[in-house]
N, C-alpha and C. Protein backbone atom coordinates (compact mmCIF):
# COMPACT_ATOMS: atom_id res chain seq x y z
N UNK A 1 59.67 36.42 -13.19
CA UNK A 1 58.30 36.83 -13.24
C UNK A 1 58.04 37.64 -12.04
N UNK A 2 57.43 38.78 -12.24
CA UNK A 2 57.19 39.70 -11.17
C UNK A 2 55.70 39.64 -10.76
N UNK A 3 55.45 39.59 -9.48
CA UNK A 3 54.05 39.53 -8.96
C UNK A 3 53.61 40.90 -8.63
N UNK A 4 52.45 41.27 -9.16
CA UNK A 4 51.92 42.59 -8.90
C UNK A 4 50.96 42.53 -7.75
N UNK A 5 50.99 43.50 -6.88
CA UNK A 5 50.08 43.51 -5.76
C UNK A 5 49.22 44.73 -5.99
N UNK A 6 47.93 44.47 -5.84
CA UNK A 6 46.96 45.59 -6.04
C UNK A 6 46.05 45.71 -4.81
N UNK A 7 45.59 46.92 -4.58
CA UNK A 7 44.69 47.10 -3.44
C UNK A 7 43.27 47.06 -3.94
N UNK A 8 42.47 46.20 -3.31
CA UNK A 8 41.09 46.08 -3.76
C UNK A 8 40.23 45.91 -2.47
N UNK A 9 39.28 46.80 -2.27
CA UNK A 9 38.38 46.77 -1.09
C UNK A 9 39.17 46.66 0.23
N UNK A 10 40.18 47.46 0.34
CA UNK A 10 40.98 47.56 1.57
C UNK A 10 41.73 46.18 1.85
N UNK A 11 41.91 45.35 0.85
CA UNK A 11 42.65 44.13 0.98
C UNK A 11 43.70 44.03 -0.07
N UNK A 12 44.93 43.77 0.29
CA UNK A 12 46.00 43.61 -0.68
C UNK A 12 45.88 42.19 -1.20
N UNK A 13 45.99 42.05 -2.51
CA UNK A 13 45.99 40.72 -3.08
C UNK A 13 46.91 40.71 -4.29
N UNK A 14 47.26 39.52 -4.71
CA UNK A 14 48.07 39.39 -5.90
C UNK A 14 47.15 39.48 -7.09
N UNK A 15 47.64 40.10 -8.12
CA UNK A 15 46.84 40.23 -9.37
C UNK A 15 46.45 38.88 -9.90
N UNK A 16 45.19 38.69 -10.32
CA UNK A 16 44.71 37.42 -10.89
C UNK A 16 44.18 36.50 -9.90
N UNK A 17 44.19 36.79 -8.61
CA UNK A 17 43.55 35.92 -7.62
C UNK A 17 42.32 36.58 -7.07
N UNK A 18 41.51 35.77 -6.43
CA UNK A 18 40.27 36.31 -5.90
C UNK A 18 40.51 37.08 -4.56
N UNK A 19 39.67 37.93 -4.25
CA UNK A 19 39.79 38.70 -3.05
C UNK A 19 39.68 37.78 -1.83
N UNK A 20 40.45 38.07 -0.78
CA UNK A 20 40.38 37.23 0.38
C UNK A 20 38.98 37.34 1.04
N UNK A 21 38.37 38.49 0.93
CA UNK A 21 37.05 38.69 1.50
C UNK A 21 36.00 37.88 0.75
N UNK A 22 36.17 37.67 -0.51
CA UNK A 22 35.20 36.94 -1.30
C UNK A 22 35.58 35.46 -1.42
N UNK A 23 36.63 35.01 -0.82
CA UNK A 23 37.05 33.65 -0.92
C UNK A 23 36.43 32.80 0.22
N UNK A 24 35.11 32.87 0.34
CA UNK A 24 34.37 32.08 1.34
C UNK A 24 33.74 30.92 0.69
N UNK A 25 33.71 29.79 1.35
CA UNK A 25 33.04 28.59 0.84
C UNK A 25 31.88 28.29 1.78
N UNK A 26 30.81 27.71 1.20
CA UNK A 26 29.67 27.27 2.04
C UNK A 26 28.53 28.26 1.99
N UNK A 27 27.53 27.95 2.85
CA UNK A 27 26.32 28.74 2.84
C UNK A 27 26.13 29.41 4.17
N UNK A 28 25.42 30.47 4.23
CA UNK A 28 25.13 31.13 5.51
C UNK A 28 24.04 30.37 6.22
N UNK A 29 23.89 30.67 7.49
CA UNK A 29 22.88 29.98 8.34
C UNK A 29 21.47 30.30 7.82
N UNK A 30 21.26 31.47 7.37
CA UNK A 30 19.93 31.80 6.85
C UNK A 30 19.61 31.06 5.57
N UNK A 31 20.59 30.93 4.72
CA UNK A 31 20.38 30.15 3.46
C UNK A 31 20.01 28.69 3.81
N UNK A 32 20.73 28.11 4.74
CA UNK A 32 20.44 26.73 5.18
C UNK A 32 18.99 26.61 5.82
N UNK A 33 18.61 27.56 6.61
CA UNK A 33 17.31 27.55 7.21
C UNK A 33 16.24 27.64 6.15
N UNK A 34 16.42 28.51 5.18
CA UNK A 34 15.43 28.59 4.10
C UNK A 34 15.27 27.29 3.34
N UNK A 35 16.35 26.62 3.03
CA UNK A 35 16.29 25.35 2.34
C UNK A 35 15.60 24.30 3.23
N UNK A 36 15.90 24.25 4.48
CA UNK A 36 15.25 23.29 5.38
C UNK A 36 13.75 23.56 5.47
N UNK A 37 13.34 24.79 5.53
CA UNK A 37 11.91 25.18 5.59
C UNK A 37 11.20 24.74 4.28
N UNK A 38 11.85 24.96 3.15
CA UNK A 38 11.23 24.52 1.87
C UNK A 38 11.10 23.07 1.81
N UNK A 39 12.12 22.30 2.22
CA UNK A 39 12.00 20.86 2.24
C UNK A 39 10.92 20.36 3.21
N UNK A 40 10.80 21.01 4.34
CA UNK A 40 9.75 20.70 5.29
C UNK A 40 8.35 20.90 4.76
N UNK A 41 8.20 22.02 4.03
CA UNK A 41 6.88 22.32 3.42
C UNK A 41 6.57 21.32 2.34
N UNK A 42 7.49 20.94 1.52
CA UNK A 42 7.26 19.97 0.47
C UNK A 42 6.86 18.61 1.11
N UNK A 43 7.58 18.21 2.15
CA UNK A 43 7.24 16.93 2.81
C UNK A 43 5.88 16.99 3.41
N UNK A 44 5.49 18.12 4.00
CA UNK A 44 4.16 18.21 4.58
C UNK A 44 3.07 18.19 3.55
N UNK A 45 3.34 18.62 2.35
CA UNK A 45 2.33 18.62 1.30
C UNK A 45 2.25 17.30 0.57
N UNK A 46 3.40 16.65 0.35
CA UNK A 46 3.44 15.44 -0.45
C UNK A 46 3.19 14.19 0.42
N UNK A 47 3.73 14.19 1.64
CA UNK A 47 3.65 13.02 2.55
C UNK A 47 2.29 12.46 2.67
N UNK A 48 1.28 13.22 3.09
CA UNK A 48 -0.05 12.64 3.31
C UNK A 48 -0.65 12.03 2.02
N UNK A 49 -0.35 12.61 0.89
CA UNK A 49 -0.87 12.02 -0.33
C UNK A 49 -0.27 10.67 -0.62
N UNK A 50 1.01 10.51 -0.33
CA UNK A 50 1.69 9.22 -0.51
C UNK A 50 1.15 8.18 0.44
N UNK A 51 0.94 8.57 1.70
CA UNK A 51 0.42 7.57 2.67
C UNK A 51 -0.99 7.18 2.32
N UNK A 52 -1.80 8.13 1.80
CA UNK A 52 -3.17 7.77 1.30
C UNK A 52 -3.14 6.76 0.22
N UNK A 53 -2.15 6.87 -0.68
CA UNK A 53 -2.05 5.92 -1.80
C UNK A 53 -1.67 4.51 -1.28
N UNK A 54 -0.89 4.47 -0.20
CA UNK A 54 -0.53 3.14 0.36
C UNK A 54 -1.82 2.43 0.86
N UNK A 55 -2.68 3.19 1.54
CA UNK A 55 -3.96 2.58 2.03
C UNK A 55 -4.82 2.13 0.89
N UNK A 56 -4.95 2.93 -0.17
CA UNK A 56 -5.69 2.52 -1.35
C UNK A 56 -5.08 1.30 -2.00
N UNK A 57 -3.79 1.23 -2.04
CA UNK A 57 -3.08 0.07 -2.62
C UNK A 57 -3.37 -1.19 -1.85
N UNK A 58 -3.42 -1.08 -0.53
CA UNK A 58 -3.71 -2.26 0.26
C UNK A 58 -5.14 -2.74 0.04
N UNK A 59 -6.09 -1.77 -0.08
CA UNK A 59 -7.41 -2.17 -0.35
C UNK A 59 -7.56 -2.83 -1.74
N UNK A 60 -6.87 -2.33 -2.76
CA UNK A 60 -6.91 -2.92 -4.06
C UNK A 60 -6.29 -4.31 -4.02
N UNK A 61 -5.20 -4.48 -3.23
CA UNK A 61 -4.57 -5.78 -3.10
C UNK A 61 -5.56 -6.79 -2.44
N UNK A 62 -6.24 -6.34 -1.41
CA UNK A 62 -7.27 -7.20 -0.79
C UNK A 62 -8.36 -7.57 -1.73
N UNK A 63 -8.83 -6.63 -2.54
CA UNK A 63 -9.89 -6.93 -3.52
C UNK A 63 -9.41 -7.93 -4.53
N UNK A 64 -8.19 -7.78 -5.01
CA UNK A 64 -7.60 -8.73 -5.96
C UNK A 64 -7.45 -10.09 -5.34
N UNK A 65 -7.06 -10.18 -4.11
CA UNK A 65 -6.92 -11.49 -3.44
C UNK A 65 -8.29 -12.19 -3.28
N UNK A 66 -9.32 -11.37 -2.92
CA UNK A 66 -10.65 -11.89 -2.80
C UNK A 66 -11.13 -12.47 -4.14
N UNK A 67 -10.79 -11.72 -5.25
CA UNK A 67 -11.20 -12.26 -6.58
C UNK A 67 -10.47 -13.54 -6.90
N UNK A 68 -9.19 -13.69 -6.50
CA UNK A 68 -8.48 -14.95 -6.71
C UNK A 68 -9.09 -16.07 -5.92
N UNK A 69 -9.56 -15.76 -4.66
CA UNK A 69 -10.26 -16.74 -3.91
C UNK A 69 -11.50 -17.20 -4.61
N UNK A 70 -12.22 -16.22 -5.21
CA UNK A 70 -13.45 -16.52 -5.95
C UNK A 70 -13.17 -17.49 -7.09
N UNK A 71 -12.13 -17.29 -7.83
CA UNK A 71 -11.79 -18.12 -8.95
C UNK A 71 -11.44 -19.54 -8.45
N UNK A 72 -10.67 -19.66 -7.33
CA UNK A 72 -10.36 -20.94 -6.70
C UNK A 72 -11.59 -21.64 -6.20
N UNK A 73 -12.50 -20.88 -5.63
CA UNK A 73 -13.78 -21.45 -5.15
C UNK A 73 -14.64 -21.99 -6.27
N UNK A 74 -14.61 -21.27 -7.42
CA UNK A 74 -15.36 -21.71 -8.59
C UNK A 74 -14.74 -23.07 -9.09
N UNK A 75 -13.44 -23.18 -9.08
CA UNK A 75 -12.81 -24.43 -9.53
C UNK A 75 -13.14 -25.56 -8.54
N UNK A 76 -13.12 -25.27 -7.24
CA UNK A 76 -13.55 -26.28 -6.26
C UNK A 76 -14.99 -26.74 -6.58
N UNK A 77 -15.89 -25.81 -6.84
CA UNK A 77 -17.26 -26.13 -7.14
C UNK A 77 -17.40 -27.01 -8.40
N UNK A 78 -16.58 -26.68 -9.40
CA UNK A 78 -16.64 -27.46 -10.64
C UNK A 78 -16.22 -28.92 -10.41
N UNK A 79 -15.23 -29.11 -9.51
CA UNK A 79 -14.78 -30.47 -9.22
C UNK A 79 -15.71 -31.23 -8.29
N UNK A 80 -16.13 -30.54 -7.24
CA UNK A 80 -16.87 -31.22 -6.15
C UNK A 80 -18.37 -31.09 -6.31
N UNK A 81 -18.85 -30.07 -6.97
CA UNK A 81 -20.30 -29.87 -7.17
C UNK A 81 -20.90 -28.93 -6.18
N UNK A 82 -20.12 -28.37 -5.28
CA UNK A 82 -20.60 -27.41 -4.31
C UNK A 82 -19.44 -26.53 -3.88
N UNK A 83 -19.78 -25.43 -3.17
CA UNK A 83 -18.72 -24.60 -2.54
C UNK A 83 -18.39 -25.21 -1.18
N UNK A 84 -17.14 -24.93 -0.72
CA UNK A 84 -16.84 -25.37 0.66
C UNK A 84 -17.82 -24.81 1.68
N UNK A 85 -18.09 -25.60 2.72
CA UNK A 85 -18.95 -25.08 3.72
C UNK A 85 -18.21 -24.02 4.57
N UNK A 86 -18.97 -23.33 5.43
CA UNK A 86 -18.32 -22.38 6.30
C UNK A 86 -17.35 -23.04 7.20
N UNK A 87 -17.65 -24.26 7.69
CA UNK A 87 -16.75 -24.99 8.58
C UNK A 87 -15.44 -25.40 7.81
N UNK A 88 -15.60 -25.81 6.56
CA UNK A 88 -14.44 -26.25 5.80
C UNK A 88 -13.54 -25.03 5.50
N UNK A 89 -14.17 -23.94 5.20
CA UNK A 89 -13.46 -22.68 5.04
C UNK A 89 -12.53 -22.67 3.82
N UNK A 90 -11.74 -21.57 3.74
CA UNK A 90 -10.79 -21.40 2.64
C UNK A 90 -9.67 -22.41 2.68
N UNK A 91 -9.48 -23.02 3.84
CA UNK A 91 -8.37 -24.06 3.95
C UNK A 91 -8.67 -25.27 3.02
N UNK A 92 -9.98 -25.45 2.71
CA UNK A 92 -10.33 -26.58 1.81
C UNK A 92 -9.83 -26.35 0.39
N UNK A 93 -9.38 -25.16 0.09
CA UNK A 93 -8.80 -24.88 -1.23
C UNK A 93 -7.36 -25.42 -1.30
N UNK A 94 -6.78 -25.78 -0.15
CA UNK A 94 -5.39 -26.25 -0.11
C UNK A 94 -5.32 -27.73 0.19
N UNK A 95 -6.17 -28.18 1.09
CA UNK A 95 -6.18 -29.63 1.47
C UNK A 95 -7.55 -30.17 1.46
N UNK A 96 -7.73 -31.41 1.08
CA UNK A 96 -9.00 -32.04 1.06
C UNK A 96 -9.55 -32.07 2.53
N UNK A 97 -10.72 -31.50 2.68
CA UNK A 97 -11.30 -31.45 4.02
C UNK A 97 -11.71 -32.81 4.60
N UNK A 98 -11.60 -33.84 3.79
CA UNK A 98 -11.89 -35.18 4.28
C UNK A 98 -13.29 -35.58 3.80
N UNK A 99 -13.34 -36.75 3.17
CA UNK A 99 -14.57 -37.28 2.69
C UNK A 99 -15.19 -36.52 1.51
N UNK A 100 -14.45 -35.68 0.86
CA UNK A 100 -14.95 -34.88 -0.28
C UNK A 100 -14.45 -35.63 -1.53
N UNK A 101 -15.40 -36.18 -2.31
CA UNK A 101 -15.04 -36.86 -3.49
C UNK A 101 -14.79 -35.88 -4.63
N UNK A 102 -13.93 -36.23 -5.56
CA UNK A 102 -13.58 -35.45 -6.75
C UNK A 102 -12.79 -34.23 -6.40
N UNK A 103 -12.31 -34.08 -5.18
CA UNK A 103 -11.47 -32.94 -4.81
C UNK A 103 -10.19 -33.06 -5.57
N UNK A 104 -9.83 -32.02 -6.38
CA UNK A 104 -8.63 -32.11 -7.28
C UNK A 104 -7.73 -30.94 -7.01
N UNK A 105 -7.59 -30.57 -5.77
CA UNK A 105 -6.75 -29.40 -5.41
C UNK A 105 -5.28 -29.76 -5.27
N UNK A 106 -4.48 -28.86 -4.80
CA UNK A 106 -4.89 -27.57 -4.23
C UNK A 106 -5.30 -26.59 -5.32
N UNK A 107 -6.17 -25.71 -4.91
CA UNK A 107 -6.71 -24.70 -5.85
C UNK A 107 -6.00 -23.33 -5.68
N UNK A 108 -5.10 -23.23 -4.72
CA UNK A 108 -4.33 -21.99 -4.58
C UNK A 108 -2.85 -22.41 -4.75
N UNK A 109 -2.05 -21.49 -5.23
CA UNK A 109 -0.64 -21.74 -5.54
C UNK A 109 0.20 -21.81 -4.25
N UNK A 110 -0.24 -21.04 -3.18
CA UNK A 110 0.53 -20.96 -1.98
C UNK A 110 0.25 -22.18 -1.11
N UNK A 111 1.13 -22.42 -0.11
CA UNK A 111 1.01 -23.54 0.79
C UNK A 111 0.04 -23.28 1.93
N UNK A 112 -0.32 -22.03 2.12
CA UNK A 112 -1.31 -21.70 3.21
C UNK A 112 -2.21 -20.56 2.70
N UNK A 113 -3.33 -20.41 3.33
CA UNK A 113 -4.28 -19.37 2.97
C UNK A 113 -3.62 -18.04 3.32
N UNK A 114 -3.46 -17.13 2.34
CA UNK A 114 -2.78 -15.87 2.66
C UNK A 114 -3.67 -15.01 3.56
N UNK A 115 -2.99 -14.13 4.33
CA UNK A 115 -3.67 -13.15 5.15
C UNK A 115 -3.95 -11.91 4.30
N UNK A 116 -4.83 -11.05 4.73
CA UNK A 116 -5.11 -9.83 4.04
C UNK A 116 -3.88 -8.89 4.14
N UNK A 117 -3.82 -7.78 3.41
CA UNK A 117 -2.64 -6.96 3.45
C UNK A 117 -2.34 -6.35 4.82
N UNK A 118 -3.28 -6.38 5.76
CA UNK A 118 -3.06 -5.80 7.08
C UNK A 118 -2.72 -6.92 8.08
N UNK A 119 -2.57 -8.17 7.61
CA UNK A 119 -2.13 -9.23 8.46
C UNK A 119 -3.30 -9.94 9.19
N UNK A 120 -4.50 -9.75 8.79
CA UNK A 120 -5.68 -10.40 9.39
C UNK A 120 -6.15 -11.54 8.45
N UNK A 121 -6.85 -12.50 9.02
CA UNK A 121 -7.38 -13.59 8.23
C UNK A 121 -8.62 -13.09 7.47
N UNK A 122 -8.83 -13.58 6.26
CA UNK A 122 -10.04 -13.30 5.54
C UNK A 122 -11.18 -14.09 6.17
N UNK A 123 -12.36 -13.54 6.11
CA UNK A 123 -13.55 -14.19 6.67
C UNK A 123 -14.35 -14.83 5.48
N UNK A 124 -14.67 -16.10 5.65
CA UNK A 124 -15.39 -16.84 4.60
C UNK A 124 -16.65 -17.38 5.24
N UNK A 125 -17.76 -17.11 4.56
CA UNK A 125 -19.12 -17.58 4.96
C UNK A 125 -19.76 -18.27 3.82
N UNK A 126 -20.25 -19.53 4.07
CA UNK A 126 -20.96 -20.23 3.07
C UNK A 126 -22.04 -21.07 3.78
N UNK A 127 -23.29 -20.87 3.44
CA UNK A 127 -23.83 -19.96 2.43
C UNK A 127 -23.66 -18.51 2.88
N UNK A 128 -23.51 -17.61 1.92
CA UNK A 128 -23.34 -16.21 2.19
C UNK A 128 -24.64 -15.48 2.28
N UNK A 129 -24.56 -14.28 2.79
CA UNK A 129 -25.73 -13.39 2.83
C UNK A 129 -25.98 -12.69 1.52
N UNK A 130 -24.95 -12.63 0.69
CA UNK A 130 -25.04 -11.89 -0.58
C UNK A 130 -24.85 -12.76 -1.78
N UNK A 131 -24.69 -14.02 -1.61
CA UNK A 131 -24.48 -14.97 -2.69
C UNK A 131 -24.23 -16.33 -2.19
N UNK A 132 -23.70 -17.23 -2.98
CA UNK A 132 -23.33 -18.57 -2.56
C UNK A 132 -22.33 -18.55 -1.44
N UNK A 133 -21.50 -17.55 -1.41
CA UNK A 133 -20.47 -17.40 -0.35
C UNK A 133 -20.15 -15.91 -0.23
N UNK A 134 -19.62 -15.54 0.89
CA UNK A 134 -19.13 -14.18 1.16
C UNK A 134 -17.69 -14.30 1.59
N UNK A 135 -16.83 -13.47 1.10
CA UNK A 135 -15.46 -13.37 1.58
C UNK A 135 -15.26 -11.90 1.90
N UNK A 136 -14.67 -11.62 3.05
CA UNK A 136 -14.50 -10.20 3.44
C UNK A 136 -13.22 -10.04 4.28
N UNK A 137 -12.72 -8.86 4.17
CA UNK A 137 -11.58 -8.40 5.07
C UNK A 137 -12.09 -7.14 5.72
N UNK A 138 -11.82 -7.04 7.04
CA UNK A 138 -12.28 -5.87 7.84
C UNK A 138 -11.33 -4.65 7.69
N UNK A 139 -10.43 -4.69 6.77
CA UNK A 139 -9.56 -3.58 6.56
C UNK A 139 -8.44 -3.37 7.60
N UNK A 140 -7.92 -2.20 7.65
CA UNK A 140 -6.77 -1.93 8.48
C UNK A 140 -7.05 -2.09 9.94
N UNK A 141 -8.22 -1.77 10.44
CA UNK A 141 -8.51 -1.81 11.87
C UNK A 141 -8.94 -3.20 12.34
N UNK A 142 -9.31 -4.07 11.43
CA UNK A 142 -9.66 -5.42 11.78
C UNK A 142 -11.07 -5.61 12.37
N UNK A 143 -11.88 -4.55 12.31
CA UNK A 143 -13.28 -4.57 12.83
C UNK A 143 -14.20 -4.14 11.75
N UNK A 144 -15.48 -4.59 11.85
CA UNK A 144 -16.46 -4.23 10.83
C UNK A 144 -16.65 -2.73 10.72
N UNK A 145 -16.89 -2.32 9.47
CA UNK A 145 -17.11 -0.90 9.19
C UNK A 145 -15.82 -0.13 9.05
N UNK A 146 -15.90 1.15 9.05
CA UNK A 146 -14.71 1.96 8.96
C UNK A 146 -14.66 2.77 7.68
N UNK A 147 -13.78 3.76 7.68
CA UNK A 147 -13.53 4.62 6.50
C UNK A 147 -12.11 4.55 6.09
N UNK A 148 -11.86 4.95 4.84
CA UNK A 148 -10.50 5.01 4.31
C UNK A 148 -9.88 3.61 4.35
N UNK A 149 -8.67 3.52 4.92
CA UNK A 149 -7.94 2.23 4.93
C UNK A 149 -8.63 1.27 5.85
N UNK A 150 -9.44 1.70 6.78
CA UNK A 150 -10.19 0.80 7.69
C UNK A 150 -11.48 0.31 7.07
N UNK A 151 -11.82 0.70 5.85
CA UNK A 151 -13.02 0.26 5.25
C UNK A 151 -13.00 -1.19 4.89
N UNK A 152 -14.12 -1.89 5.06
CA UNK A 152 -14.20 -3.32 4.76
C UNK A 152 -14.05 -3.54 3.26
N UNK A 153 -13.42 -4.63 2.85
CA UNK A 153 -13.28 -5.08 1.47
C UNK A 153 -14.06 -6.38 1.35
N UNK A 154 -15.02 -6.46 0.43
CA UNK A 154 -15.91 -7.57 0.40
C UNK A 154 -16.02 -8.15 -1.01
N UNK A 155 -16.45 -9.43 -1.07
CA UNK A 155 -16.55 -10.13 -2.36
C UNK A 155 -17.74 -9.72 -3.21
N UNK A 156 -18.75 -9.17 -2.59
CA UNK A 156 -19.97 -8.91 -3.33
C UNK A 156 -20.03 -7.50 -3.89
N UNK A 157 -19.00 -6.70 -3.73
CA UNK A 157 -18.91 -5.42 -4.39
C UNK A 157 -17.43 -5.03 -4.58
N UNK A 158 -17.16 -4.41 -5.67
CA UNK A 158 -15.77 -3.97 -6.01
C UNK A 158 -15.51 -2.64 -5.30
N UNK A 159 -14.26 -2.26 -5.34
CA UNK A 159 -13.90 -0.96 -4.78
C UNK A 159 -14.07 0.07 -5.87
N UNK A 160 -15.08 0.87 -5.72
CA UNK A 160 -15.30 2.02 -6.62
C UNK A 160 -15.36 3.24 -5.77
N UNK A 161 -14.70 4.30 -6.15
CA UNK A 161 -14.67 5.42 -5.28
C UNK A 161 -15.15 6.69 -6.03
N UNK A 162 -15.78 7.57 -5.23
CA UNK A 162 -16.14 8.86 -5.76
C UNK A 162 -14.91 9.74 -5.71
N UNK A 163 -15.02 10.95 -6.16
CA UNK A 163 -13.91 11.90 -6.03
C UNK A 163 -13.48 12.15 -4.58
N UNK A 164 -14.42 12.01 -3.65
CA UNK A 164 -14.12 12.24 -2.25
C UNK A 164 -13.51 11.03 -1.62
N UNK A 165 -13.29 9.94 -2.32
CA UNK A 165 -12.66 8.76 -1.79
C UNK A 165 -13.62 7.78 -1.09
N UNK A 166 -14.95 8.01 -1.26
CA UNK A 166 -15.92 7.11 -0.66
C UNK A 166 -16.35 6.01 -1.59
N UNK A 167 -16.69 4.88 -1.00
CA UNK A 167 -17.11 3.73 -1.84
C UNK A 167 -18.53 3.95 -2.36
N UNK A 168 -18.70 3.53 -3.62
CA UNK A 168 -20.01 3.61 -4.26
C UNK A 168 -20.57 2.17 -4.27
N UNK A 169 -21.80 1.98 -3.80
CA UNK A 169 -22.36 0.66 -3.77
C UNK A 169 -23.29 0.42 -5.01
């Protein structure tokens, strides 16, 4: 078998093989920079939207937990005839506060009162300013008031948002 050598673009090569000049693997530096810039732009556009959803998810989780507390408090009231006092607090849903007849708990499945999604204790007031009791979480910052993830989550109103992300009362 005879090998033919041909001249192509000033490079001698064997017939049927690729040119030595065109036999490069990989990407140029400019191509890599363009890809990195595109990935950076996508991350800059998508990242804040994802983090915003995490905050909304925590607020929804806090509202769901407050509603579960409400159901447990209603069961406590059915058994005992009243809601726990502010001094007895949410802990009375787990253990008999002492001297309470007809207590048939625990009224929560967990062994301790859960914290809000931000790691803070829920606040329980009885009698409440807005009903028989008030339960609230001060949100991400742990202080009253706030916007976005720092907005308070309360038992007397649900989380309803306008298109701008603000709570509707």
